[in-house]
Amino acid sequence: MRAVVQLVSSASVKVEDKINGAIQRGLVVLLGIGHKDTEKDALYLVDKISNLRIFPDETGKMNLSVRDTNGEVMVVSQFTLWGDCRKGRRPSYSGAAHPAAAAGLYNLFISKMKQHVPVATGEFQAKMQIDLCNEGPVTILLDSGRLF
């Protein structure tokens, strides 16, 4: 399971020109699910992301988590995180999970994250428009297989 995590002052996601979810200060999580991912991968990333110390403390040092700051999280599914561009010019998505399997892990990730912080979401398998204001900018790449 892969995630791009961005610290934001605000974010919203639209589906068919209608706002599906919005947050104030917190994290936007673009979540990609691979065909070998399991519940263990989802739980690992929920724990990692909800406790990731990337928010500034009173001295400006990145020392606080989204939980520490009472922030919010917006989760958006993004299978293209599994795009393999090593050969040719068109990405291969063979590493991405089949939508039926991915939907279950996506929903599990959201339900577990909601146990820690308020969560807004996009819509699984929908074409979405995301509007966000990245602070810092702070952008972190995570992989449950610890590849990076």
Protein backbone atom coordinates (compact mmCIF):
# COMPACT_ATOMS: atom_id res chain seq x y z
CA MET A 1 0.00 0.00 0.00
CA ARG A 2 1.35 3.40 -0.94
CA ALA A 3 0.48 6.86 0.27
CA VAL A 4 1.38 10.41 -0.61
CA VAL A 5 0.78 12.47 2.53
CA GLN A 6 0.54 16.25 2.32
CA LEU A 7 0.25 18.69 5.22
CA VAL A 8 -2.49 21.16 4.29
CA SER A 9 -4.20 24.23 5.70
CA SER A 10 -7.36 23.20 3.81
CA ALA A 11 -8.50 20.78 1.14
CA SER A 12 -11.62 19.68 -0.69
CA VAL A 13 -12.50 17.01 -3.21
CA LYS A 14 -15.21 17.30 -5.85
CA VAL A 15 -17.00 14.57 -7.77
CA GLU A 16 -19.04 15.74 -10.75
CA ASP A 17 -18.62 19.38 -9.63
CA LYS A 18 -20.09 18.67 -6.18
CA ILE A 19 -17.96 18.80 -3.03
CA ASN A 20 -17.73 15.26 -1.67
CA GLY A 21 -15.45 16.05 1.26
CA ALA A 22 -13.52 18.94 2.79
CA ILE A 23 -11.13 19.50 5.68
CA GLN A 24 -9.35 22.34 7.38
CA ARG A 25 -5.82 21.98 8.78
CA GLY A 26 -4.65 18.41 8.51
CA LEU A 27 -3.45 15.84 6.00
CA VAL A 28 -4.43 14.84 2.50
CA VAL A 29 -3.68 11.16 1.93
CA LEU A 30 -3.58 9.87 -1.65
CA LEU A 31 -3.87 6.11 -1.15
CA GLY A 32 -2.85 3.47 -3.67
CA ILE A 33 -3.55 -0.21 -3.01
CA GLY A 34 -1.42 -2.95 -4.52
CA HIS A 35 -2.57 -6.45 -5.48
CA LYS A 36 -0.49 -8.03 -2.69
CA ASP A 37 -1.75 -5.67 0.04
CA THR A 38 -3.62 -6.99 3.07
CA GLU A 39 -5.31 -5.68 6.19
CA LYS A 40 -1.86 -5.61 7.81
CA ASP A 41 -0.71 -3.02 5.25
CA ALA A 42 -3.75 -0.83 5.90
CA LEU A 43 -3.27 -0.97 9.67
CA TYR A 44 0.43 -0.16 9.32
CA LEU A 45 -0.29 2.97 7.27
CA VAL A 46 -3.13 4.11 9.54
CA ASP A 47 -0.77 3.96 12.51
CA LYS A 48 2.12 5.56 10.62
CA ILE A 49 0.05 8.42 9.17
CA SER A 50 -2.00 9.22 12.26
CA ASN A 51 1.18 9.44 14.36
CA LEU A 52 3.54 10.98 11.77
CA ARG A 53 5.23 13.98 13.39
CA ILE A 54 5.24 16.50 10.55
CA PHE A 55 3.28 19.40 12.09
CA PRO A 56 5.31 22.24 13.60
CA ASP A 57 5.39 22.71 17.38
CA GLU A 58 5.57 26.12 19.10
CA THR A 59 9.24 26.45 18.09
CA GLY A 60 8.56 25.59 14.43
CA LYS A 61 10.15 22.14 14.66
CA MET A 62 8.24 19.27 12.98
CA ASN A 63 7.32 17.49 16.16
CA LEU A 64 3.52 17.03 16.27
CA SER A 65 1.13 14.58 14.64
CA VAL A 66 -2.30 15.19 13.14
CA ARG A 67 -3.71 13.67 16.34
CA ASP A 68 -1.68 16.06 18.52
CA THR A 69 -3.02 19.06 16.61
CA ASN A 70 -6.66 17.89 16.45
CA GLY A 71 -6.33 17.96 12.68
CA GLU A 72 -8.39 16.24 10.03
CA VAL A 73 -7.52 13.78 7.27
CA MET A 74 -8.87 13.61 3.74
CA VAL A 75 -8.38 10.22 2.07
CA VAL A 76 -8.52 9.90 -1.71
CA SER A 77 -8.03 6.62 -3.57
CA GLN A 78 -5.37 6.82 -6.27
CA PHE A 79 -4.46 3.61 -8.09
CA THR A 80 -1.95 5.54 -10.23
CA LEU A 81 0.49 5.43 -7.30
CA TRP A 82 1.14 1.90 -8.56
CA GLY A 83 2.06 3.15 -12.03
CA ASP A 84 5.33 1.54 -13.12
CA CYS A 85 7.19 3.81 -15.56
CA ARG A 86 10.48 1.91 -15.70
CA LYS A 87 9.81 0.56 -19.21
CA GLY A 88 8.45 2.55 -22.09
CA ARG A 89 6.46 5.75 -21.81
CA ARG A 90 3.08 4.48 -20.75
CA PRO A 91 2.75 3.45 -17.08
CA SER A 92 1.83 -0.13 -16.31
CA TYR A 93 -0.69 -0.57 -13.51
CA SER A 94 -0.26 -4.32 -13.14
CA GLY A 95 0.82 -3.84 -9.51
CA ALA A 96 -2.45 -2.14 -8.55
CA ALA A 97 -5.15 -4.16 -6.83
CA HIS A 98 -8.33 -5.14 -8.66
CA PRO A 99 -11.03 -2.57 -7.76
CA ALA A 100 -13.13 -5.10 -5.77
CA ALA A 101 -10.20 -5.98 -3.52
CA ALA A 102 -8.96 -2.39 -3.32
CA ALA A 103 -12.38 -1.08 -2.25
CA GLY A 104 -12.42 -3.30 0.82
CA LEU A 105 -8.95 -2.20 1.95
CA TYR A 106 -9.72 1.45 1.15
CA ASN A 107 -12.84 1.30 3.33
CA LEU A 108 -10.95 -0.51 6.09
CA PHE A 109 -8.25 2.19 6.03
CA ILE A 110 -10.89 4.91 6.36
CA SER A 111 -12.79 3.19 9.18
CA LYS A 112 -9.57 2.64 11.16
CA MET A 113 -8.37 6.21 10.54
CA LYS A 114 -11.72 7.52 11.83
CA GLN A 115 -10.88 5.95 15.18
CA HIS A 116 -8.08 8.53 15.51
CA VAL A 117 -9.16 11.71 13.66
CA PRO A 118 -12.06 13.18 11.67
CA VAL A 119 -11.94 11.91 8.08
CA ALA A 120 -13.33 13.20 4.79
CA THR A 121 -13.09 11.21 1.58
CA GLY A 122 -13.29 11.25 -2.13
CA GLU A 123 -15.35 8.64 -3.97
CA PHE A 124 -13.74 5.31 -4.82
CA GLN A 125 -13.24 4.83 -8.59
CA ALA A 126 -14.63 8.27 -9.43
CA LYS A 127 -12.98 11.02 -11.41
CA MET A 128 -12.23 13.70 -8.82
CA GLN A 129 -10.89 17.22 -8.60
CA ILE A 130 -8.80 17.96 -5.52
CA ASP A 131 -8.19 21.48 -4.28
CA LEU A 132 -5.61 21.86 -1.53
CA CYS A 133 -3.27 24.34 0.07
CA ASN A 134 -0.05 22.47 0.93
CA GLU A 135 1.78 24.00 3.88
CA GLY A 136 5.55 24.10 3.93
CA PRO A 137 5.33 22.48 1.44
CA VAL A 138 5.40 19.18 3.30
CA THR A 139 4.89 16.03 1.23
CA ILE A 140 5.83 12.55 2.48
CA LEU A 141 5.92 9.27 0.52
CA LEU A 142 5.04 6.08 2.40
CA ASP A 143 4.99 2.42 1.40
CA SER A 144 3.73 -0.34 3.69
CA GLY A 145 6.40 -2.64 2.22
CA ARG A 146 8.96 -0.04 3.31
CA LEU A 147 10.35 0.26 -0.21
CA PHE A 148 10.92 3.99 0.36
